Each structure stands twice: as structure tokens, then as C-alpha cells.
Amino acid sequence: MGRKFVVKERLFAIGDDYWVEDEHGEKCFLVDGKVLRLRDTFELQDTAGNTVATIREKVLTVRDAMKIENADGDLAATVRKKLFTPFHDKYHVELENGGEWEIHGDLIDKEYTVKNDGHRIGEVSRKWFSVRDAYGVEVEDGADVPLMIAVAVCLDRLVEHND
């Protein structure tokens, strides 16, 4: 059983400070609205103000991939559209340290699972919380929480532009 977080849809378009909260309403990560107004960067900060994940939209060479940096500013993962795929499983996450996460489910309706080597490490669902224009991100114990939230935000952005 992992932890669940509430994430606002279309974070890139908000432009205000926004707290990602856990299922108990505790503030966990801050999305810095000043950064979002620049329209090219999404920063996820912990409660102490440390940047724990960054998505740089300006690194997009095509609209079917986004890159995520870790807290040290190093490339951690690329969320990319697959070239040849069945209908629902259109994206995957290429990890910079090797391996990949598979995305299975309905990305448009935000009901999907993230797997690593066939094991569920995260899940996204609109059904867990009654917060308007938001979705839940569940992260299994031991998985990288900021990276999983950043992946969900990337998928939200990519699906909004491509599907």
C-alpha cells in the first residue's frame, strides 16, 4: 500500500502557487507559480523549499517527449510517446539510469497504472478524491515520489497536446 497525493490537472497552465497534498490533506510538494508563468519550467519543491524534480518544457524538440531532471539538475527520465503501440499504451518512461516504466490504461480519463518490470509502482485515478480538476497519484513504497508525480504531470501535458 503506497501513499496517495492530489495533483491539479493542467499544472503548466495554472500560474499560481499550488500545493500537492497527500490523502490526509498534508502539504507535501509546492509547485512554484512564478516558474509556471514562464511557461517553460515546472518545479516541484518539498516543504523545505528544495527543488526535488524539474520538467523543462523548452527542451521539447517535438511534442511527444518531455524530460525530467532530479534534485541535482541531472536528467532522470524522459516521458516519450511510443512509435508503434496498441491503442491505450501510448507512452513510456525511459529512465536515465537504465530501464523503463510502462504506462497502461486510459490516459485521457486519468485511470492508468505505472509498472517497472511488470510490477506496479504507481497508479493515477480521478476516482479517489472529489477535488475538481484534480487527480490522485498513488506511489508504492520504495518508489521515487517526486519522479512519479512529475511523470503524471508530463503525461497530463502530453495527452492534452497530442490526443
Protein backbone atom coordinates (compact mmCIF):
# COMPACT_ATOMS: atom_id res chain seq x y z
CA MET A 1 0.00 0.00 0.00
CA GLY A 2 1.53 3.28 -1.11
CA ARG A 3 0.85 6.94 -0.44
CA LYS A 4 -1.73 8.94 -2.39
CA PHE A 5 -1.37 12.56 -3.49
CA VAL A 6 -3.79 15.07 -5.03
CA VAL A 7 -2.43 16.78 -8.16
CA LYS A 8 -4.13 19.63 -10.04
CA GLU A 9 -4.81 18.99 -13.73
CA ARG A 10 -3.02 21.14 -16.31
CA LEU A 11 -0.41 22.37 -13.85
CA PHE A 12 1.50 24.12 -16.65
CA ALA A 13 -1.44 26.46 -17.20
CA ILE A 14 -2.13 27.45 -13.58
CA GLY A 15 0.43 30.20 -12.89
CA ASP A 16 -0.27 30.26 -9.13
CA ASP A 17 1.50 28.53 -6.28
CA TYR A 18 -0.13 25.16 -5.79
CA TRP A 19 0.41 22.58 -3.05
CA VAL A 20 0.36 18.87 -3.86
CA GLU A 21 -1.22 17.34 -0.77
CA ASP A 22 -1.35 13.78 0.49
CA GLU A 23 -4.56 11.89 1.12
CA HIS A 24 -4.77 13.39 4.62
CA GLY A 25 -4.60 16.99 3.36
CA GLU A 26 -0.97 17.46 4.44
CA LYS A 27 1.11 19.72 2.17
CA CYS A 28 3.92 17.70 0.55
CA PHE A 29 5.19 19.50 -2.56
CA LEU A 30 4.88 23.06 -3.80
CA VAL A 31 4.52 23.97 -7.45
CA ASP A 32 6.08 27.41 -7.77
CA GLY A 33 3.67 29.57 -9.78
CA LYS A 34 6.36 32.12 -10.70
CA VAL A 35 8.13 29.39 -12.60
CA LEU A 36 4.94 28.32 -14.36
CA ARG A 37 4.28 31.81 -15.66
CA LEU A 38 7.46 31.49 -17.69
CA ARG A 39 5.63 28.65 -19.49
CA ASP A 40 8.76 26.55 -19.87
CA THR A 41 9.50 25.06 -16.46
CA PHE A 42 7.64 23.07 -13.84
CA GLU A 43 9.39 22.82 -10.47
CA LEU A 44 8.30 20.54 -7.67
CA GLN A 45 9.64 21.65 -4.29
CA ASP A 46 9.49 19.87 -0.94
CA THR A 47 8.10 21.59 2.15
CA ALA A 48 11.58 22.99 2.96
CA GLY A 49 11.73 24.76 -0.43
CA ASN A 50 14.20 22.36 -2.06
CA THR A 51 13.57 21.56 -5.73
CA VAL A 52 13.06 17.79 -5.96
CA ALA A 53 12.06 17.50 -9.63
CA THR A 54 12.08 19.80 -12.66
CA ILE A 55 10.36 19.47 -16.03
CA ARG A 56 11.71 21.83 -18.67
CA GLU A 57 9.17 22.31 -21.42
CA LYS A 58 11.60 24.29 -23.58
CA VAL A 59 13.72 21.15 -24.06
CA LEU A 60 10.91 19.79 -26.21
CA THR A 61 12.19 19.17 -29.70
CA VAL A 62 8.90 17.54 -30.62
CA ARG A 63 5.62 17.49 -28.74
CA ASP A 64 5.84 13.78 -27.98
CA ALA A 65 8.58 13.79 -25.30
CA MET A 66 9.37 15.67 -22.08
CA LYS A 67 12.46 15.47 -19.88
CA ILE A 68 12.54 15.35 -16.07
CA GLU A 69 15.56 16.40 -14.01
CA ASN A 70 16.24 15.23 -10.45
CA ALA A 71 17.09 17.42 -7.43
CA ASP A 72 20.72 17.75 -8.61
CA GLY A 73 19.66 19.04 -12.03
CA ASP A 74 20.70 15.80 -13.76
CA LEU A 75 18.44 14.16 -16.32
CA ALA A 76 16.42 11.48 -14.50
CA ALA A 77 13.84 10.36 -17.08
CA THR A 78 12.23 11.04 -20.44
CA VAL A 79 8.49 10.58 -20.89
CA ARG A 80 8.05 9.65 -24.53
CA LYS A 81 5.34 8.64 -26.93
CA LYS A 82 5.85 5.17 -28.35
CA LEU A 83 6.17 4.84 -32.11
CA PHE A 84 4.30 1.56 -32.53
CA THR A 85 1.76 0.71 -29.88
CA PRO A 86 -1.70 -0.67 -29.14
CA PHE A 87 -4.41 1.94 -28.61
CA HIS A 88 -4.13 2.68 -24.88
CA ASP A 89 -0.45 2.12 -24.05
CA LYS A 90 0.93 5.10 -25.96
CA TYR A 91 3.66 6.36 -23.62
CA HIS A 92 6.56 5.05 -21.57
CA VAL A 93 9.19 6.48 -19.25
CA GLU A 94 12.83 5.97 -20.18
CA LEU A 95 14.94 6.09 -17.02
CA GLU A 96 18.34 7.71 -17.42
CA ASN A 97 19.98 5.07 -15.21
CA GLY A 98 18.58 2.31 -17.42
CA GLY A 99 15.26 0.54 -17.69
CA GLU A 100 11.83 1.90 -18.37
CA TRP A 101 8.44 2.32 -16.75
CA GLU A 102 5.44 1.14 -18.72
CA ILE A 103 2.18 3.12 -18.71
CA HIS A 104 -1.02 1.05 -19.02
CA GLY A 105 -4.58 2.33 -19.09
CA ASP A 106 -6.65 5.34 -20.09
CA LEU A 107 -4.51 8.48 -20.09
CA ILE A 108 -7.27 10.81 -21.26
CA ASP A 109 -9.57 9.88 -18.37
CA LYS A 110 -6.61 9.60 -15.97
CA GLU A 111 -7.09 5.96 -14.99
CA TYR A 112 -3.74 4.27 -15.53
CA THR A 113 -1.01 2.22 -13.88
CA VAL A 114 2.77 2.70 -13.97
CA LYS A 115 4.82 -0.51 -13.91
CA ASN A 116 8.51 -1.29 -13.65
CA ASP A 117 9.48 -4.77 -14.86
CA GLY A 118 5.83 -5.81 -14.65
CA HIS A 119 5.43 -4.64 -11.04
CA ARG A 120 3.03 -1.81 -10.19
CA ILE A 121 4.91 1.16 -8.74
CA GLY A 122 2.25 3.81 -9.19
CA GLU A 123 -1.31 4.47 -10.20
CA VAL A 124 -3.26 7.53 -11.28
CA SER A 125 -7.01 7.89 -10.80
CA ARG A 126 -9.61 10.64 -10.72
CA LYS A 127 -11.91 8.48 -8.60
CA TRP A 128 -10.10 8.63 -5.23
CA PHE A 129 -10.74 12.26 -4.42
CA SER A 130 -13.70 14.55 -5.02
CA VAL A 131 -11.47 17.52 -5.84
CA ARG A 132 -12.49 19.26 -9.03
CA ASP A 133 -9.95 19.36 -11.87
CA ALA A 134 -7.55 17.14 -9.96
CA TYR A 135 -6.45 13.52 -9.92
CA GLY A 136 -4.84 11.18 -7.44
CA VAL A 137 -1.34 9.77 -7.77
CA GLU A 138 -0.59 6.70 -5.67
CA VAL A 139 3.09 5.84 -5.26
CA GLU A 140 4.11 2.43 -3.97
CA ASP A 141 6.50 2.23 -1.03
CA GLY A 142 10.11 2.46 -2.21
CA ALA A 143 9.29 4.25 -5.47
CA ASP A 144 10.55 7.78 -6.23
CA VAL A 145 7.61 10.01 -5.20
CA PRO A 146 8.72 13.31 -6.88
CA LEU A 147 9.59 11.45 -10.09
CA MET A 148 6.21 9.69 -10.14
CA ILE A 149 4.34 12.98 -9.64
CA ALA A 150 6.48 14.62 -12.35
CA VAL A 151 5.70 11.73 -14.73
CA ALA A 152 1.95 12.19 -14.09
CA VAL A 153 2.28 15.93 -14.83
CA CYS A 154 4.21 15.17 -18.05
CA LEU A 155 1.55 12.72 -19.18
CA ASP A 156 -1.18 15.27 -18.42
CA ARG A 157 0.64 17.81 -20.60
CA LEU A 158 1.49 15.40 -23.42
CA VAL A 159 -2.01 13.95 -23.64
CA GLU A 160 -3.50 17.45 -23.61
CA HIS A 161 -1.39 18.38 -26.65
CA ASN A 162 -1.42 15.11 -28.60
CA ASP A 163 -4.60 13.10 -28.09
